[in-house]
């Protein structure tokens, strides 16, 4: 077992309490012995890595080492020994968005907008670097603190990959509750698959539950693929603003070609309805970033009409 005492050092970092563990890694809270900077140290046992997992890990290191953005988890450094790989990561005291939703249940739309704006800003950076995440879910969205509206950071880039313009991916990966239909169906897909996951996260924030459920993974996938209209929990439609509902429905459409097109319609209507300032602000601040991620031409349309 990878077990450490408080005085143990890994590189220049004093190892503290264990934060969590997985099938091949343990994560420790630690601090730099000179600066006192708090970090999370991910200690990975190389003997437990399959060739594919090892390749994904090194790809994750390569991706994170090139990105410095407040809404993406920071990799300070990585090093290895004969039997271990160590990732020195930004420490997020607030845990993850899944735990936040578990504590708070559904959140007010203003709080959901706060998180979605930051998620979209992080995804915009990935798009600029021609990257898709492929495993967006509340468990992979880390929070800086336990405040009501903490800073959100995208983490866990183990399934991320480069995807140039007009290129398509085909690997089946992701988490079932947040996986786009085209991935479930083993079809080729592009960055718009991440937008389905964004829609599922938004839906869960404002309703307190994922958009699709099932007693098994097979039933879950069937429910996703057989659905013809997004169903909200009883009473939710009366409480949510119509533009929030429209954004959920637009992102959670099974035809990926309509993810963006329908959202543009709602956005332009909202922008031209000045008395609906709150609705305009919601859609402009969240959806503008989402459109940019998936379609550069759509971004130009928004800029011309905004």
Protein backbone atom coordinates (compact mmCIF):
# COMPACT_ATOMS: atom_id res chain seq x y z
CA UNK A 1 0.00 0.00 0.00
CA UNK A 2 1.10 3.56 -0.68
CA UNK A 3 0.99 4.93 2.86
CA UNK A 4 2.87 7.99 4.12
CA UNK A 5 3.71 9.69 7.39
CA UNK A 6 3.25 13.40 7.89
CA UNK A 7 7.00 14.08 7.69
CA UNK A 8 7.48 12.24 4.42
CA UNK A 9 8.74 14.26 1.46
CA UNK A 10 7.98 13.74 -2.20
CA UNK A 11 10.29 16.04 -4.07
CA UNK A 12 9.94 19.41 -2.37
CA UNK A 13 6.51 18.63 -0.94
CA UNK A 14 5.63 17.65 2.61
CA UNK A 15 2.95 14.96 2.43
CA UNK A 16 -0.17 15.40 4.54
CA UNK A 17 -3.45 13.50 4.79
CA UNK A 18 -4.82 11.20 2.13
CA UNK A 19 -7.52 12.84 0.00
CA UNK A 20 -8.62 9.77 -1.93
CA UNK A 21 -7.52 6.74 -3.88
CA UNK A 22 -8.34 4.79 -7.01
CA UNK A 23 -7.35 1.57 -8.71
CA UNK A 24 -3.78 2.67 -9.38
CA UNK A 25 -3.25 5.97 -7.55
CA UNK A 26 -3.46 7.72 -4.21
CA UNK A 27 -3.99 11.47 -3.86
CA UNK A 28 -2.41 13.31 -0.94
CA UNK A 29 -2.79 16.82 0.35
CA UNK A 30 0.66 18.36 0.61
CA UNK A 31 2.53 21.66 0.91
CA UNK A 32 5.74 22.99 -0.57
CA UNK A 33 8.42 22.86 2.09
CA UNK A 34 9.71 26.36 1.27
CA UNK A 35 6.78 28.42 -0.07
CA UNK A 36 4.04 26.61 1.85
CA UNK A 37 1.92 26.35 -1.32
CA UNK A 38 -0.84 23.77 -0.80
CA UNK A 39 -1.08 21.17 -3.55
CA UNK A 40 -2.57 17.77 -4.30
CA UNK A 41 0.00 15.07 -5.01
CA UNK A 42 -1.23 12.22 -7.19
CA UNK A 43 0.97 9.19 -6.58
CA UNK A 44 0.65 6.56 -9.29
CA UNK A 45 1.94 3.01 -9.07
CA UNK A 46 3.43 2.23 -12.48
CA UNK A 47 3.14 -1.53 -11.92
CA UNK A 48 -0.65 -1.22 -11.89
CA UNK A 49 -0.90 0.64 -15.20
CA UNK A 50 -1.93 -1.11 -18.38
CA UNK A 51 -0.20 0.13 -21.55
CA UNK A 52 -3.34 2.03 -22.56
CA UNK A 53 -3.78 3.69 -19.16
CA UNK A 54 -0.09 4.58 -19.11
CA UNK A 55 -0.41 6.20 -22.54
CA UNK A 56 -3.51 8.15 -21.42
CA UNK A 57 -1.68 9.33 -18.31
CA UNK A 58 1.27 10.64 -20.27
CA UNK A 59 -1.13 12.32 -22.68
CA UNK A 60 -2.87 13.99 -19.72
CA UNK A 61 0.48 15.26 -18.44
CA UNK A 62 1.32 16.62 -21.89
CA UNK A 63 -2.02 18.43 -22.17
CA UNK A 64 -2.06 19.95 -18.69
CA UNK A 65 1.55 21.11 -18.90
CA UNK A 66 0.57 23.50 -21.72
CA UNK A 67 -2.55 25.02 -20.12
CA UNK A 68 -2.68 27.79 -17.54
CA UNK A 69 -6.24 29.01 -17.02
CA UNK A 70 -8.27 29.71 -13.86
CA UNK A 71 -11.01 27.28 -14.93
CA UNK A 72 -8.70 24.34 -15.66
CA UNK A 73 -6.86 22.44 -12.95
CA UNK A 74 -3.20 23.45 -12.84
CA UNK A 75 -0.40 20.91 -13.15
CA UNK A 76 2.62 22.43 -11.42
CA UNK A 77 5.02 19.64 -12.25
CA UNK A 78 5.34 15.91 -12.87
CA UNK A 79 8.20 13.55 -12.16
CA UNK A 80 8.78 9.84 -11.80
CA UNK A 81 10.91 7.25 -10.08
CA UNK A 82 11.54 3.63 -10.99
CA UNK A 83 8.09 2.56 -9.79
CA UNK A 84 6.05 5.75 -9.30
CA UNK A 85 4.76 8.74 -11.26
CA UNK A 86 3.92 11.89 -9.29
CA UNK A 87 1.63 14.68 -10.46
CA UNK A 88 1.77 17.90 -8.44
CA UNK A 89 -1.64 19.46 -8.97
CA UNK A 90 -3.51 22.54 -7.81
CA UNK A 91 -5.35 21.80 -4.57
CA UNK A 92 -9.10 22.48 -4.58
CA UNK A 93 -10.46 22.72 -1.05
CA UNK A 94 -14.11 22.63 -2.13
CA UNK A 95 -14.14 19.07 -3.46
CA UNK A 96 -16.08 18.51 -6.68
CA UNK A 97 -19.37 19.61 -8.18
CA UNK A 98 -20.94 16.19 -7.54
CA UNK A 99 -20.45 16.61 -3.79
CA UNK A 100 -21.73 20.20 -4.06
CA UNK A 101 -24.96 19.00 -5.74
CA UNK A 102 -25.31 16.26 -3.14
CA UNK A 103 -25.06 18.86 -0.36
CA UNK A 104 -27.24 21.54 -1.93
CA UNK A 105 -29.58 19.64 -4.22
CA UNK A 106 -30.85 21.73 -7.11
CA UNK A 107 -29.40 25.23 -7.16
CA UNK A 108 -30.84 28.64 -8.08
CA UNK A 109 -30.44 29.60 -11.72
CA UNK A 110 -27.98 32.37 -10.82
CA UNK A 111 -25.71 29.79 -9.17
CA UNK A 112 -26.08 27.46 -12.16
CA UNK A 113 -25.15 30.36 -14.45
CA UNK A 114 -22.06 31.01 -12.30
CA UNK A 115 -20.85 27.44 -12.80
CA UNK A 116 -21.81 27.21 -16.47
CA UNK A 117 -20.02 30.44 -17.34
CA UNK A 118 -16.81 29.08 -15.84
CA UNK A 119 -17.21 25.66 -17.43
CA UNK A 120 -17.73 27.32 -20.81
CA UNK A 121 -14.66 29.53 -20.33
CA UNK A 122 -12.52 26.47 -19.61
CA UNK A 123 -13.92 24.60 -22.62
CA UNK A 124 -13.20 27.60 -24.82
CA UNK A 125 -9.51 27.24 -23.96
CA UNK A 126 -9.63 23.54 -24.88
CA UNK A 127 -11.29 24.40 -28.18
CA UNK A 128 -8.60 26.94 -28.97
CA UNK A 129 -6.04 24.17 -28.46
CA UNK A 130 -8.12 21.73 -30.57
CA UNK A 131 -8.82 19.48 -27.60
CA UNK A 132 -11.94 17.61 -26.51
CA UNK A 133 -12.36 16.44 -22.92
CA UNK A 134 -14.70 13.43 -23.41
CA UNK A 135 -15.43 12.89 -19.72
CA UNK A 136 -17.18 16.01 -18.48
CA UNK A 137 -19.21 15.21 -15.37
CA UNK A 138 -19.71 16.79 -11.93
CA UNK A 139 -17.06 14.49 -10.40
CA UNK A 140 -14.44 15.97 -12.76
CA UNK A 141 -15.32 19.60 -12.03
CA UNK A 142 -13.35 20.73 -8.99
CA UNK A 143 -14.24 23.65 -6.71
CA UNK A 144 -11.81 26.07 -5.13
CA UNK A 145 -13.68 26.44 -1.82
CA UNK A 146 -16.85 25.59 0.10
CA UNK A 147 -18.46 28.96 -0.69
CA UNK A 148 -21.83 29.04 -2.43
CA UNK A 149 -20.25 30.20 -5.70
CA UNK A 150 -16.65 28.93 -5.73
CA UNK A 151 -14.28 28.92 -8.68
CA UNK A 152 -14.85 25.88 -10.89
CA UNK A 153 -11.97 24.04 -12.56
CA UNK A 154 -12.10 21.30 -15.17
CA UNK A 155 -10.03 18.28 -14.10
CA UNK A 156 -9.18 14.70 -15.10
CA UNK A 157 -7.94 14.84 -18.68
CA UNK A 158 -7.35 11.09 -18.96
CA UNK A 159 -9.76 10.75 -21.93
CA UNK A 160 -8.91 14.08 -23.57
CA UNK A 161 -7.42 14.11 -27.04
CA UNK A 162 -6.48 16.44 -29.84
CA UNK A 163 -9.07 16.84 -32.56
CA UNK A 164 -8.27 19.13 -35.47
CA UNK A 165 -10.88 20.86 -37.63
CA UNK A 166 -13.11 18.38 -39.51
CA UNK A 167 -11.48 15.43 -37.72
CA UNK A 168 -13.72 12.93 -35.90
CA UNK A 169 -13.09 10.70 -32.89
CA UNK A 170 -14.47 7.17 -32.53
CA UNK A 171 -13.32 5.81 -29.15
CA UNK A 172 -16.10 4.77 -26.77
CA UNK A 173 -15.29 6.62 -23.57
CA UNK A 174 -16.84 8.84 -20.93
CA UNK A 175 -19.33 8.32 -18.10
CA UNK A 176 -22.74 6.82 -18.96
CA UNK A 177 -24.92 9.50 -17.32
CA UNK A 178 -23.19 12.25 -19.31
CA UNK A 179 -22.28 10.43 -22.53
CA UNK A 180 -23.56 11.82 -25.83
CA UNK A 181 -25.84 9.56 -27.93
CA UNK A 182 -23.40 9.44 -30.83
CA UNK A 183 -20.74 7.99 -28.51
CA UNK A 184 -23.22 5.44 -27.10
CA UNK A 185 -24.06 4.37 -30.66
CA UNK A 186 -20.36 3.94 -31.55
CA UNK A 187 -20.62 6.69 -34.15
CA UNK A 188 -17.81 9.09 -34.95
CA UNK A 189 -18.07 12.40 -33.09
CA UNK A 190 -16.44 15.78 -32.61
CA UNK A 191 -16.25 18.49 -29.93
CA UNK A 192 -20.04 18.85 -29.88
CA UNK A 193 -20.16 15.63 -27.84
CA UNK A 194 -18.76 17.66 -24.93
CA UNK A 195 -21.77 19.99 -25.24
CA UNK A 196 -24.17 17.12 -24.52
CA UNK A 197 -22.28 16.59 -21.27
CA UNK A 198 -22.55 20.32 -20.53
CA UNK A 199 -26.31 20.09 -21.04
CA UNK A 200 -26.57 17.11 -18.69
CA UNK A 201 -24.60 19.00 -16.02
CA UNK A 202 -26.78 22.11 -16.42
CA UNK A 203 -29.93 19.98 -16.14
CA UNK A 204 -28.65 18.34 -12.96
CA UNK A 205 -27.75 21.70 -11.44
CA UNK A 206 -31.19 23.22 -11.93
CA UNK A 207 -33.29 20.09 -11.21
CA UNK A 208 -31.12 18.16 -8.75
CA UNK A 209 -30.94 14.99 -10.87
CA UNK A 210 -29.41 13.81 -14.18
CA UNK A 211 -31.60 14.14 -17.29
CA UNK A 212 -31.68 10.38 -17.92
CA UNK A 213 -31.65 7.47 -15.50
CA UNK A 214 -31.94 3.68 -15.58
CA UNK A 215 -31.68 0.63 -13.36
CA UNK A 216 -28.74 -0.59 -15.45
CA UNK A 217 -26.34 0.89 -17.96
CA UNK A 218 -28.24 -0.84 -20.76
CA UNK A 219 -31.55 0.65 -19.61
CA UNK A 220 -29.94 4.07 -19.20
CA UNK A 221 -28.62 3.98 -22.76
CA UNK A 222 -32.01 2.82 -24.04
CA UNK A 223 -33.73 5.68 -22.24
CA UNK A 224 -31.32 8.17 -23.80
CA UNK A 225 -31.64 6.77 -27.31
CA UNK A 226 -35.42 6.28 -27.20
CA UNK A 227 -36.30 9.68 -25.79
CA UNK A 228 -38.06 12.11 -28.10
CA UNK A 229 -38.35 15.09 -25.73
CA UNK A 230 -36.41 16.06 -22.64
CA UNK A 231 -38.56 15.42 -19.57
CA UNK A 232 -38.22 17.68 -16.53
CA UNK A 233 -39.18 16.65 -12.97
CA UNK A 234 -42.73 17.47 -11.95
CA UNK A 235 -43.10 21.16 -11.14
CA UNK A 236 -39.68 22.16 -12.52
CA UNK A 237 -40.98 23.88 -15.65
CA UNK A 238 -43.10 26.24 -13.57
CA UNK A 239 -40.04 27.37 -11.59
CA UNK A 240 -37.35 27.59 -14.26
CA UNK A 241 -37.01 30.51 -16.66
CA UNK A 242 -38.05 29.49 -20.21
CA UNK A 243 -34.63 30.39 -21.61
CA UNK A 244 -32.94 28.07 -19.12
CA UNK A 245 -35.33 25.29 -20.16
CA UNK A 246 -34.66 26.03 -23.84
CA UNK A 247 -30.90 25.90 -23.30
CA UNK A 248 -31.19 22.49 -21.59
CA UNK A 249 -33.34 21.15 -24.40
CA UNK A 250 -31.07 22.57 -27.08
CA UNK A 251 -27.92 21.03 -25.63
CA UNK A 252 -29.61 17.68 -24.98
CA UNK A 253 -30.82 17.05 -28.51
CA UNK A 254 -29.82 13.71 -30.03
CA UNK A 255 -28.90 15.17 -33.41
CA UNK A 256 -25.50 16.79 -32.84
CA UNK A 257 -25.99 19.04 -35.82
CA UNK A 258 -28.76 20.83 -33.92
CA UNK A 259 -26.87 21.42 -30.66
CA UNK A 260 -25.78 24.84 -31.78
CA UNK A 261 -28.29 25.85 -34.43
CA UNK A 262 -31.28 25.79 -32.09
CA UNK A 263 -29.37 27.61 -29.33
CA UNK A 264 -28.51 30.44 -31.73
CA UNK A 265 -32.18 30.98 -32.39
CA UNK A 266 -32.97 31.32 -28.69
CA UNK A 267 -29.98 33.57 -28.12
CA UNK A 268 -30.84 36.02 -30.88
CA UNK A 269 -34.46 36.23 -29.73
CA UNK A 270 -33.33 36.96 -26.18
CA UNK A 271 -30.82 39.60 -27.29
CA UNK A 272 -33.55 41.46 -29.17
CA UNK A 273 -35.97 41.38 -26.24
CA UNK A 274 -34.54 44.13 -24.08
CA UNK A 275 -37.12 43.91 -21.33
CA UNK A 276 -36.02 40.31 -20.64
CA UNK A 277 -32.65 41.50 -19.31
CA UNK A 278 -32.11 38.57 -16.96
CA UNK A 279 -32.88 36.05 -19.68
CA UNK A 280 -30.59 37.88 -22.10
CA UNK A 281 -27.81 37.92 -19.54
CA UNK A 282 -28.19 34.18 -18.85
CA UNK A 283 -28.05 33.17 -22.48
CA UNK A 284 -25.40 35.66 -23.52
CA UNK A 285 -23.00 34.80 -20.70
CA UNK A 286 -23.36 31.01 -20.95
CA UNK A 287 -24.41 30.12 -24.44
CA UNK A 288 -22.04 32.50 -26.23
CA UNK A 289 -19.09 30.49 -24.93
CA UNK A 290 -20.76 27.17 -25.71
CA UNK A 291 -21.40 28.17 -29.31
CA UNK A 292 -17.81 29.28 -29.73
CA UNK A 293 -16.55 25.90 -28.55
CA UNK A 294 -18.35 23.89 -31.19
CA UNK A 295 -18.55 26.12 -34.24
CA UNK A 296 -16.26 28.98 -35.25
CA UNK A 297 -18.67 30.08 -37.96
CA UNK A 298 -21.49 30.33 -35.42
CA UNK A 299 -19.24 32.49 -33.24
CA UNK A 300 -18.83 34.91 -36.11
CA UNK A 301 -22.62 35.04 -36.49
CA UNK A 302 -23.01 35.88 -32.81
CA UNK A 303 -20.39 38.60 -32.97
CA UNK A 304 -22.11 40.17 -35.96
CA UNK A 305 -25.51 40.09 -34.29
CA UNK A 306 -24.36 40.90 -30.72
